[in-house]
Amino acid sequence: MIRNFGTRFHFKLERGPYSRSLGYQDEEWMSENIILNEGERNVLDSYFRNNNNPPEFYLGLHSGTLAETATLANVSEPSQSGYARKQYARNTTDFPTLVFDGDDWRVEGAAKTFTAAATWLPVNEMFLSSQSVAVVGSVIASAALGAVRALISQDTLTVTPKITASED
């Protein structure tokens, strides 16, 4: 019996020349979180009622903390040059791996990279949504970045989602 869906995200932050000159180092880490209320509703509505099926998903960065009850209206994204949510199509190209891991099934998404074209608003979370822009649609999941991250011009942040249906 599935009791919840857990999310795990792999992050890799590669610093550009300017950041390295300031002494910033490249970083790599994993972060876990749960699917938010809107994501839970969306999974059940889509799977059991064939309703509210998003044609794609979008990965974005957030400054602040998203509560389990958060909506896209609660998201605070960078607005500086070069920032845009990253699209994931619902297919085997953007979600190439479906594996049985121990007692649970996991789907893994392709890595998506944000490249700062300017100094962006510091961020400390990422989110997966059902919309590319605006505040309509659902926030499916979020994960903490572990610390506040300031991306400076030419820095890149690569994110790989791993979503598990678990019995925990």
N, C-alpha and C. Protein backbone atom coordinates (compact mmCIF):
# COMPACT_ATOMS: atom_id res chain seq x y z
N MET A 1 0.83 -1.17 0.00
CA MET A 1 0.00 0.00 0.00
C MET A 1 0.89 1.25 0.00
N ILE A 2 0.61 2.18 -0.88
CA ILE A 2 1.35 3.44 -0.92
C ILE A 2 0.83 4.33 0.19
N ARG A 3 1.73 4.80 1.03
CA ARG A 3 1.33 5.70 2.11
C ARG A 3 1.69 7.15 1.78
N ASN A 4 2.71 7.36 0.97
CA ASN A 4 3.06 8.73 0.57
C ASN A 4 3.96 8.71 -0.65
N PHE A 5 4.18 9.88 -1.20
CA PHE A 5 5.15 10.07 -2.26
C PHE A 5 6.25 10.94 -1.69
N GLY A 6 7.47 10.49 -1.78
CA GLY A 6 8.59 11.28 -1.31
C GLY A 6 9.36 11.82 -2.50
N THR A 7 9.97 12.95 -2.31
CA THR A 7 10.77 13.52 -3.39
C THR A 7 12.19 13.68 -2.91
N ARG A 8 13.10 13.43 -3.79
CA ARG A 8 14.52 13.65 -3.52
C ARG A 8 15.08 14.36 -4.74
N PHE A 9 15.85 15.38 -4.50
CA PHE A 9 16.44 16.14 -5.60
C PHE A 9 17.95 16.17 -5.44
N HIS A 10 18.63 15.97 -6.54
CA HIS A 10 20.09 16.06 -6.57
C HIS A 10 20.42 17.43 -7.15
N PHE A 11 21.27 18.18 -6.44
CA PHE A 11 21.67 19.52 -6.87
C PHE A 11 23.17 19.59 -7.12
N LYS A 12 23.55 20.34 -8.12
CA LYS A 12 24.96 20.59 -8.39
C LYS A 12 25.08 22.07 -8.77
N LEU A 13 25.84 22.82 -7.98
CA LEU A 13 26.05 24.24 -8.21
C LEU A 13 27.49 24.43 -8.68
N GLU A 14 27.62 24.89 -9.92
CA GLU A 14 28.94 25.16 -10.48
C GLU A 14 29.11 26.67 -10.59
N ARG A 15 30.15 27.16 -9.98
CA ARG A 15 30.39 28.60 -9.94
C ARG A 15 31.08 29.10 -11.21
N GLY A 16 30.65 30.26 -11.67
CA GLY A 16 31.27 30.91 -12.82
C GLY A 16 32.54 31.61 -12.40
N PRO A 17 33.26 32.20 -13.37
CA PRO A 17 34.55 32.85 -13.09
C PRO A 17 34.46 33.96 -12.04
N TYR A 18 33.41 34.77 -12.08
CA TYR A 18 33.31 35.87 -11.13
C TYR A 18 33.13 35.34 -9.71
N SER A 19 32.26 34.33 -9.55
CA SER A 19 32.03 33.74 -8.22
C SER A 19 33.30 33.11 -7.69
N ARG A 20 34.04 32.41 -8.56
CA ARG A 20 35.29 31.78 -8.11
C ARG A 20 36.30 32.83 -7.67
N SER A 21 36.31 33.99 -8.36
CA SER A 21 37.24 35.05 -7.97
C SER A 21 36.88 35.62 -6.59
N LEU A 22 35.61 35.45 -6.18
CA LEU A 22 35.17 35.89 -4.86
C LEU A 22 35.36 34.81 -3.80
N GLY A 23 35.88 33.66 -4.21
CA GLY A 23 36.14 32.58 -3.27
C GLY A 23 35.03 31.56 -3.11
N TYR A 24 33.94 31.69 -3.91
CA TYR A 24 32.87 30.70 -3.84
C TYR A 24 33.32 29.39 -4.45
N GLN A 25 32.87 28.27 -3.88
CA GLN A 25 33.24 26.94 -4.34
C GLN A 25 32.05 26.25 -5.02
N ASP A 26 32.36 25.29 -5.90
CA ASP A 26 31.31 24.43 -6.45
C ASP A 26 30.76 23.57 -5.32
N GLU A 27 29.48 23.17 -5.43
CA GLU A 27 28.84 22.37 -4.40
C GLU A 27 27.96 21.31 -5.04
N GLU A 28 27.73 20.23 -4.30
CA GLU A 28 26.82 19.17 -4.75
C GLU A 28 26.16 18.58 -3.51
N TRP A 29 24.82 18.35 -3.56
CA TRP A 29 24.12 17.84 -2.39
C TRP A 29 22.80 17.21 -2.82
N MET A 30 22.18 16.48 -1.90
CA MET A 30 20.86 15.89 -2.08
C MET A 30 19.92 16.55 -1.07
N SER A 31 18.65 16.65 -1.42
CA SER A 31 17.65 17.20 -0.51
C SER A 31 16.36 16.41 -0.69
N GLU A 32 15.67 16.17 0.42
CA GLU A 32 14.40 15.45 0.37
C GLU A 32 13.28 16.35 0.87
N ASN A 33 12.09 16.08 0.37
CA ASN A 33 10.90 16.76 0.84
C ASN A 33 9.69 15.94 0.44
N ILE A 34 8.52 16.39 0.82
CA ILE A 34 7.30 15.69 0.47
C ILE A 34 6.58 16.42 -0.67
N ILE A 35 5.65 15.74 -1.27
CA ILE A 35 4.79 16.38 -2.25
C ILE A 35 3.79 17.24 -1.48
N LEU A 36 3.58 18.48 -1.94
CA LEU A 36 2.69 19.42 -1.26
C LEU A 36 1.22 19.03 -1.45
N ASN A 37 0.33 19.65 -0.69
CA ASN A 37 -1.10 19.33 -0.76
C ASN A 37 -1.65 19.40 -2.18
N GLU A 38 -1.29 20.45 -2.93
CA GLU A 38 -1.77 20.56 -4.31
C GLU A 38 -1.27 19.39 -5.16
N GLY A 39 -0.06 18.92 -4.90
CA GLY A 39 0.49 17.78 -5.62
C GLY A 39 -0.24 16.50 -5.29
N GLU A 40 -0.55 16.31 -4.01
CA GLU A 40 -1.31 15.13 -3.60
C GLU A 40 -2.67 15.11 -4.28
N ARG A 41 -3.37 16.26 -4.26
CA ARG A 41 -4.67 16.36 -4.92
C ARG A 41 -4.55 16.08 -6.41
N ASN A 42 -3.51 16.64 -7.03
CA ASN A 42 -3.32 16.48 -8.46
C ASN A 42 -3.07 15.02 -8.83
N VAL A 43 -2.25 14.30 -8.05
CA VAL A 43 -1.97 12.89 -8.32
C VAL A 43 -3.25 12.07 -8.26
N LEU A 44 -4.03 12.26 -7.22
CA LEU A 44 -5.28 11.49 -7.07
C LEU A 44 -6.30 11.85 -8.15
N ASP A 45 -6.46 13.14 -8.42
CA ASP A 45 -7.41 13.60 -9.43
C ASP A 45 -7.03 13.08 -10.81
N SER A 46 -5.76 13.14 -11.13
CA SER A 46 -5.28 12.70 -12.44
C SER A 46 -5.38 11.18 -12.61
N TYR A 47 -4.90 10.45 -11.63
CA TYR A 47 -4.81 9.01 -11.76
C TYR A 47 -6.17 8.32 -11.65
N PHE A 48 -6.97 8.71 -10.69
CA PHE A 48 -8.23 8.01 -10.46
C PHE A 48 -9.43 8.61 -11.18
N ARG A 49 -9.38 9.90 -11.48
CA ARG A 49 -10.54 10.55 -12.10
C ARG A 49 -10.26 11.01 -13.53
N ASN A 50 -9.03 10.81 -14.01
CA ASN A 50 -8.61 11.25 -15.34
C ASN A 50 -8.97 12.72 -15.56
N ASN A 51 -8.69 13.51 -14.54
CA ASN A 51 -9.01 14.93 -14.54
C ASN A 51 -7.77 15.71 -14.09
N ASN A 52 -7.64 16.94 -14.55
CA ASN A 52 -6.56 17.80 -14.09
C ASN A 52 -5.19 17.21 -14.42
N ASN A 53 -5.05 16.67 -15.64
CA ASN A 53 -3.78 16.08 -16.08
C ASN A 53 -2.88 17.16 -16.67
N PRO A 54 -1.83 17.57 -15.97
CA PRO A 54 -0.96 18.60 -16.55
C PRO A 54 -0.21 18.03 -17.76
N PRO A 55 -0.16 18.75 -18.87
CA PRO A 55 0.56 18.24 -20.04
C PRO A 55 2.08 18.21 -19.83
N GLU A 56 2.55 19.04 -18.90
CA GLU A 56 3.98 19.07 -18.57
C GLU A 56 4.14 19.60 -17.15
N PHE A 57 5.37 19.55 -16.66
CA PHE A 57 5.72 20.07 -15.35
C PHE A 57 6.81 21.12 -15.53
N TYR A 58 6.97 21.99 -14.51
CA TYR A 58 7.97 23.04 -14.57
C TYR A 58 8.74 23.11 -13.26
N LEU A 59 10.04 23.25 -13.37
CA LEU A 59 10.94 23.35 -12.24
C LEU A 59 11.31 24.81 -12.04
N GLY A 60 11.19 25.31 -10.82
CA GLY A 60 11.50 26.71 -10.54
C GLY A 60 12.27 26.87 -9.25
N LEU A 61 12.80 28.06 -9.03
CA LEU A 61 13.55 28.40 -7.82
C LEU A 61 12.74 29.40 -6.99
N HIS A 62 12.86 29.30 -5.68
CA HIS A 62 12.03 30.10 -4.76
C HIS A 62 12.90 30.69 -3.65
N SER A 63 12.57 31.90 -3.25
CA SER A 63 13.21 32.56 -2.12
C SER A 63 12.22 32.55 -0.96
N GLY A 64 12.53 31.80 0.09
CA GLY A 64 11.63 31.69 1.23
C GLY A 64 11.37 30.23 1.53
N THR A 65 10.28 29.98 2.24
CA THR A 65 9.90 28.62 2.61
C THR A 65 8.47 28.35 2.16
N LEU A 66 8.27 27.29 1.40
CA LEU A 66 6.93 26.91 0.95
C LEU A 66 6.35 25.91 1.95
N ALA A 67 5.22 26.27 2.54
CA ALA A 67 4.52 25.36 3.45
C ALA A 67 3.83 24.27 2.64
N GLU A 68 3.42 23.20 3.31
CA GLU A 68 2.73 22.11 2.62
C GLU A 68 1.45 22.60 1.95
N THR A 69 0.87 23.67 2.45
CA THR A 69 -0.37 24.22 1.90
C THR A 69 -0.12 25.30 0.84
N ALA A 70 1.12 25.53 0.44
CA ALA A 70 1.47 26.61 -0.49
C ALA A 70 0.82 26.41 -1.86
N THR A 71 0.58 27.54 -2.52
CA THR A 71 0.11 27.56 -3.91
C THR A 71 1.13 28.38 -4.71
N LEU A 72 0.93 28.45 -6.02
CA LEU A 72 1.85 29.25 -6.84
C LEU A 72 1.81 30.73 -6.46
N ALA A 73 0.73 31.19 -5.86
CA ALA A 73 0.66 32.58 -5.40
C ALA A 73 1.66 32.85 -4.28
N ASN A 74 2.14 31.81 -3.59
CA ASN A 74 3.10 31.96 -2.50
C ASN A 74 4.55 31.91 -2.96
N VAL A 75 4.78 31.67 -4.25
CA VAL A 75 6.14 31.51 -4.77
C VAL A 75 6.77 32.86 -5.05
N SER A 76 8.03 33.02 -4.62
CA SER A 76 8.81 34.23 -4.89
C SER A 76 10.04 33.81 -5.69
N GLU A 77 10.00 34.05 -7.00
CA GLU A 77 11.07 33.62 -7.91
C GLU A 77 11.98 34.78 -8.29
N PRO A 78 13.21 34.45 -8.73
CA PRO A 78 14.07 35.50 -9.27
C PRO A 78 13.40 36.14 -10.49
N SER A 79 13.57 37.42 -10.65
CA SER A 79 13.02 38.12 -11.82
C SER A 79 14.14 38.69 -12.69
N GLN A 80 15.37 38.40 -12.32
CA GLN A 80 16.50 38.96 -13.04
C GLN A 80 16.73 38.23 -14.37
N SER A 81 17.55 38.83 -15.20
CA SER A 81 17.85 38.35 -16.54
C SER A 81 18.28 36.88 -16.56
N GLY A 82 17.66 36.12 -17.47
CA GLY A 82 18.05 34.74 -17.69
C GLY A 82 17.26 33.71 -16.90
N TYR A 83 16.44 34.13 -15.94
CA TYR A 83 15.70 33.16 -15.14
C TYR A 83 14.38 32.79 -15.83
N ALA A 84 14.09 31.51 -15.87
CA ALA A 84 12.80 30.99 -16.32
C ALA A 84 12.66 29.57 -15.78
N ARG A 85 11.43 29.18 -15.49
CA ARG A 85 11.19 27.79 -15.07
C ARG A 85 11.61 26.84 -16.19
N LYS A 86 12.06 25.66 -15.79
CA LYS A 86 12.52 24.63 -16.73
C LYS A 86 11.42 23.61 -16.96
N GLN A 87 11.13 23.30 -18.22
CA GLN A 87 10.03 22.41 -18.58
C GLN A 87 10.43 20.94 -18.53
N TYR A 88 9.50 20.12 -18.04
CA TYR A 88 9.59 18.67 -18.09
C TYR A 88 8.33 18.17 -18.81
N ALA A 89 8.51 17.54 -19.96
CA ALA A 89 7.38 16.92 -20.64
C ALA A 89 7.05 15.61 -19.94
N ARG A 90 5.82 15.18 -20.05
CA ARG A 90 5.42 13.89 -19.48
C ARG A 90 5.74 12.81 -20.51
N ASN A 91 7.00 12.37 -20.52
CA ASN A 91 7.43 11.36 -21.47
C ASN A 91 8.68 10.64 -20.94
N THR A 92 9.17 9.68 -21.69
CA THR A 92 10.33 8.92 -21.25
C THR A 92 11.65 9.61 -21.58
N THR A 93 11.61 10.77 -22.23
CA THR A 93 12.83 11.55 -22.44
C THR A 93 13.12 12.39 -21.21
N ASP A 94 12.12 13.11 -20.72
CA ASP A 94 12.32 13.95 -19.54
C ASP A 94 12.24 13.17 -18.23
N PHE A 95 11.58 12.01 -18.25
CA PHE A 95 11.54 11.10 -17.10
C PHE A 95 12.00 9.72 -17.59
N PRO A 96 13.31 9.57 -17.86
CA PRO A 96 13.81 8.37 -18.52
C PRO A 96 13.88 7.12 -17.66
N THR A 97 13.85 7.26 -16.35
CA THR A 97 14.10 6.11 -15.49
C THR A 97 12.92 5.81 -14.58
N LEU A 98 12.42 4.59 -14.66
CA LEU A 98 11.41 4.08 -13.74
C LEU A 98 12.00 2.79 -13.18
N VAL A 99 12.29 2.78 -11.87
CA VAL A 99 12.99 1.64 -11.27
C VAL A 99 12.29 1.19 -10.00
N PHE A 100 12.44 -0.10 -9.70
CA PHE A 100 12.00 -0.66 -8.44
C PHE A 100 13.21 -0.63 -7.53
N ASP A 101 13.15 0.16 -6.46
CA ASP A 101 14.29 0.38 -5.57
C ASP A 101 13.95 -0.15 -4.19
N GLY A 102 14.41 -1.35 -3.88
CA GLY A 102 14.07 -1.97 -2.60
C GLY A 102 12.62 -2.39 -2.61
N ASP A 103 11.79 -1.71 -1.83
CA ASP A 103 10.35 -2.00 -1.78
C ASP A 103 9.50 -0.94 -2.47
N ASP A 104 10.11 0.03 -3.11
CA ASP A 104 9.38 1.17 -3.65
C ASP A 104 9.73 1.44 -5.11
N TRP A 105 8.77 2.02 -5.83
CA TRP A 105 9.00 2.46 -7.20
C TRP A 105 9.45 3.92 -7.20
N ARG A 106 10.37 4.25 -8.11
CA ARG A 106 10.90 5.61 -8.22
C ARG A 106 11.00 5.99 -9.70
N VAL A 107 10.59 7.22 -10.01
CA VAL A 107 10.80 7.78 -11.34
C VAL A 107 11.84 8.89 -11.20
N GLU A 108 12.77 8.94 -12.14
CA GLU A 108 13.82 9.96 -12.11
C GLU A 108 13.72 10.83 -13.35
N GLY A 109 13.80 12.13 -13.12
CA GLY A 109 13.76 13.08 -14.22
C GLY A 109 15.15 13.38 -14.74
N ALA A 110 15.19 13.91 -15.95
CA ALA A 110 16.45 14.35 -16.54
C ALA A 110 16.96 15.59 -15.79
N ALA A 111 18.25 15.78 -15.78
CA ALA A 111 18.85 16.96 -15.14
C ALA A 111 18.48 18.21 -15.94
N LYS A 112 18.12 19.25 -15.23
CA LYS A 112 17.81 20.56 -15.84
C LYS A 112 18.72 21.60 -15.19
N THR A 113 19.22 22.53 -15.99
CA THR A 113 20.21 23.49 -15.51
C THR A 113 19.71 24.93 -15.63
N PHE A 114 19.83 25.67 -14.53
CA PHE A 114 19.59 27.11 -14.50
C PHE A 114 20.94 27.79 -14.66
N THR A 115 21.05 28.76 -15.56
CA THR A 115 22.28 29.52 -15.74
C THR A 115 21.98 30.99 -15.51
N ALA A 116 22.62 31.56 -14.50
CA ALA A 116 22.39 32.97 -14.16
C ALA A 116 23.04 33.87 -15.21
N ALA A 117 22.27 34.81 -15.74
CA ALA A 117 22.81 35.80 -16.68
C ALA A 117 23.12 37.11 -15.97
N ALA A 118 22.74 37.17 -14.70
CA ALA A 118 22.98 38.33 -13.84
C ALA A 118 22.96 37.79 -12.42
N THR A 119 23.15 38.63 -11.43
CA THR A 119 23.03 38.18 -10.05
C THR A 119 21.55 38.06 -9.73
N TRP A 120 21.12 36.85 -9.35
CA TRP A 120 19.72 36.58 -9.09
C TRP A 120 19.38 36.78 -7.62
N LEU A 121 18.09 36.99 -7.36
CA LEU A 121 17.56 37.00 -6.00
C LEU A 121 18.04 35.72 -5.31
N PRO A 122 18.60 35.82 -4.10
CA PRO A 122 19.03 34.60 -3.40
C PRO A 122 17.85 33.64 -3.24
N VAL A 123 18.10 32.35 -3.46
CA VAL A 123 17.06 31.33 -3.37
C VAL A 123 17.47 30.26 -2.37
N ASN A 124 16.47 29.60 -1.79
CA ASN A 124 16.78 28.53 -0.85
C ASN A 124 15.87 27.31 -1.02
N GLU A 125 14.98 27.33 -2.02
CA GLU A 125 14.15 26.17 -2.33
C GLU A 125 13.95 26.08 -3.83
N MET A 126 13.58 24.88 -4.28
CA MET A 126 13.12 24.71 -5.65
C MET A 126 11.73 24.09 -5.57
N PHE A 127 10.98 24.18 -6.66
CA PHE A 127 9.63 23.63 -6.67
C PHE A 127 9.33 23.04 -8.04
N LEU A 128 8.39 22.13 -8.07
CA LEU A 128 7.89 21.54 -9.30
C LEU A 128 6.44 21.94 -9.41
N SER A 129 6.05 22.55 -10.55
CA SER A 129 4.69 23.05 -10.71
C SER A 129 4.07 22.53 -12.00
N SER A 130 2.79 22.84 -12.18
CA SER A 130 2.08 22.44 -13.39
C SER A 130 1.96 23.58 -14.40
N GLN A 131 2.58 24.73 -14.13
CA GLN A 131 2.50 25.89 -15.02
C GLN A 131 3.87 26.51 -15.24
N SER A 132 4.07 27.10 -16.41
CA SER A 132 5.36 27.71 -16.74
C SER A 132 5.51 29.12 -16.17
N VAL A 133 4.42 29.84 -16.04
CA VAL A 133 4.44 31.22 -15.51
C VAL A 133 3.16 31.45 -14.72
N ALA A 134 3.10 32.57 -14.08
CA ALA A 134 1.90 33.03 -13.37
C ALA A 134 1.62 32.22 -12.11
N VAL A 135 0.46 32.48 -11.52
CA VAL A 135 0.13 31.87 -10.24
C VAL A 135 -1.02 30.88 -10.33
N VAL A 136 -1.47 30.55 -11.54
CA VAL A 136 -2.49 29.51 -11.69
C VAL A 136 -1.78 28.17 -11.82
N GLY A 137 -2.47 27.09 -11.54
CA GLY A 137 -1.84 25.77 -11.58
C GLY A 137 -1.47 25.33 -10.18
N SER A 138 -0.74 24.25 -10.08
CA SER A 138 -0.42 23.64 -8.80
C SER A 138 1.07 23.62 -8.52
N VAL A 139 1.42 23.75 -7.24
CA VAL A 139 2.78 23.47 -6.79
C VAL A 139 2.76 21.99 -6.40
N ILE A 140 3.47 21.17 -7.14
CA ILE A 140 3.45 19.73 -6.93
C ILE A 140 4.34 19.34 -5.76
N ALA A 141 5.58 19.83 -5.76
CA ALA A 141 6.56 19.45 -4.74
C ALA A 141 7.56 20.58 -4.55
N SER A 142 8.28 20.52 -3.43
CA SER A 142 9.38 21.47 -3.21
C SER A 142 10.48 20.77 -2.45
N ALA A 143 11.67 21.34 -2.53
CA ALA A 143 12.81 20.80 -1.79
C ALA A 143 13.72 21.96 -1.40
N ALA A 144 14.24 21.90 -0.19
CA ALA A 144 15.16 22.93 0.29
C ALA A 144 16.51 22.79 -0.39
N LEU A 145 17.17 23.90 -0.62
CA LEU A 145 18.51 23.89 -1.19
C LEU A 145 19.58 23.73 -0.12
N GLY A 146 19.18 23.56 1.13
CA GLY A 146 20.13 23.34 2.22
C GLY A 146 20.67 24.62 2.81
N ALA A 147 20.74 25.66 2.03
CA ALA A 147 21.23 26.97 2.47
C ALA A 147 20.76 27.99 1.43
N VAL A 148 20.83 29.24 1.77
CA VAL A 148 20.50 30.29 0.81
C VAL A 148 21.61 30.30 -0.24
N ARG A 149 21.23 30.28 -1.50
CA ARG A 149 22.19 30.28 -2.61
C ARG A 149 22.00 31.55 -3.42
N ALA A 150 23.08 32.30 -3.57
CA ALA A 150 23.07 33.48 -4.44
C ALA A 150 23.78 33.08 -5.73
N LEU A 151 23.05 33.11 -6.83
CA LEU A 151 23.65 32.78 -8.12
C LEU A 151 24.08 34.07 -8.80
N ILE A 152 25.34 34.12 -9.14
CA ILE A 152 25.95 35.28 -9.77
C ILE A 152 26.16 34.95 -11.25
N SER A 153 26.24 35.94 -12.10
CA SER A 153 26.37 35.74 -13.55
C SER A 153 27.33 34.60 -13.89
N GLN A 154 26.87 33.68 -14.72
CA GLN A 154 27.57 32.51 -15.23
C GLN A 154 27.60 31.33 -14.25
N ASP A 155 27.02 31.47 -13.05
CA ASP A 155 26.86 30.32 -12.17
C ASP A 155 25.76 29.43 -12.75
N THR A 156 25.88 28.12 -12.55
CA THR A 156 24.84 27.19 -12.99
C THR A 156 24.40 26.33 -11.81
N LEU A 157 23.10 26.05 -11.76
CA LEU A 157 22.53 25.16 -10.76
C LEU A 157 21.78 24.07 -11.51
N THR A 158 22.24 22.82 -11.38
CA THR A 158 21.63 21.69 -12.06
C THR A 158 20.82 20.89 -11.05
N VAL A 159 19.57 20.55 -11.42
CA VAL A 159 18.65 19.85 -10.54
C VAL A 159 18.17 18.57 -11.23
N THR A 160 18.19 17.45 -10.49
CA THR A 160 17.67 16.17 -10.97
C THR A 160 16.63 15.66 -9.99
N PRO A 161 15.34 15.62 -10.38
CA PRO A 161 14.31 15.13 -9.47
C PRO A 161 14.24 13.60 -9.44
N LYS A 162 13.94 13.06 -8.26
CA LYS A 162 13.74 11.62 -8.07
C LYS A 162 12.51 11.49 -7.19
N ILE A 163 11.42 10.96 -7.73
CA ILE A 163 10.15 10.90 -7.01
C ILE A 163 9.82 9.44 -6.71
N THR A 164 9.60 9.14 -5.43
CA THR A 164 9.39 7.77 -4.97
C THR A 164 8.01 7.62 -4.37
N ALA A 165 7.31 6.54 -4.72
CA ALA A 165 6.08 6.16 -4.06
C ALA A 165 6.50 5.17 -2.98
N SER A 166 6.33 5.55 -1.72
CA SER A 166 6.86 4.71 -0.63
C SER A 166 5.77 4.30 0.35
N GLU A 167 6.11 3.33 1.17
CA GLU A 167 5.20 2.84 2.18
C GLU A 167 5.44 3.51 3.53
N ASP A 168 6.40 4.40 3.62
CA ASP A 168 6.73 5.06 4.88
C ASP A 168 5.71 6.11 5.24
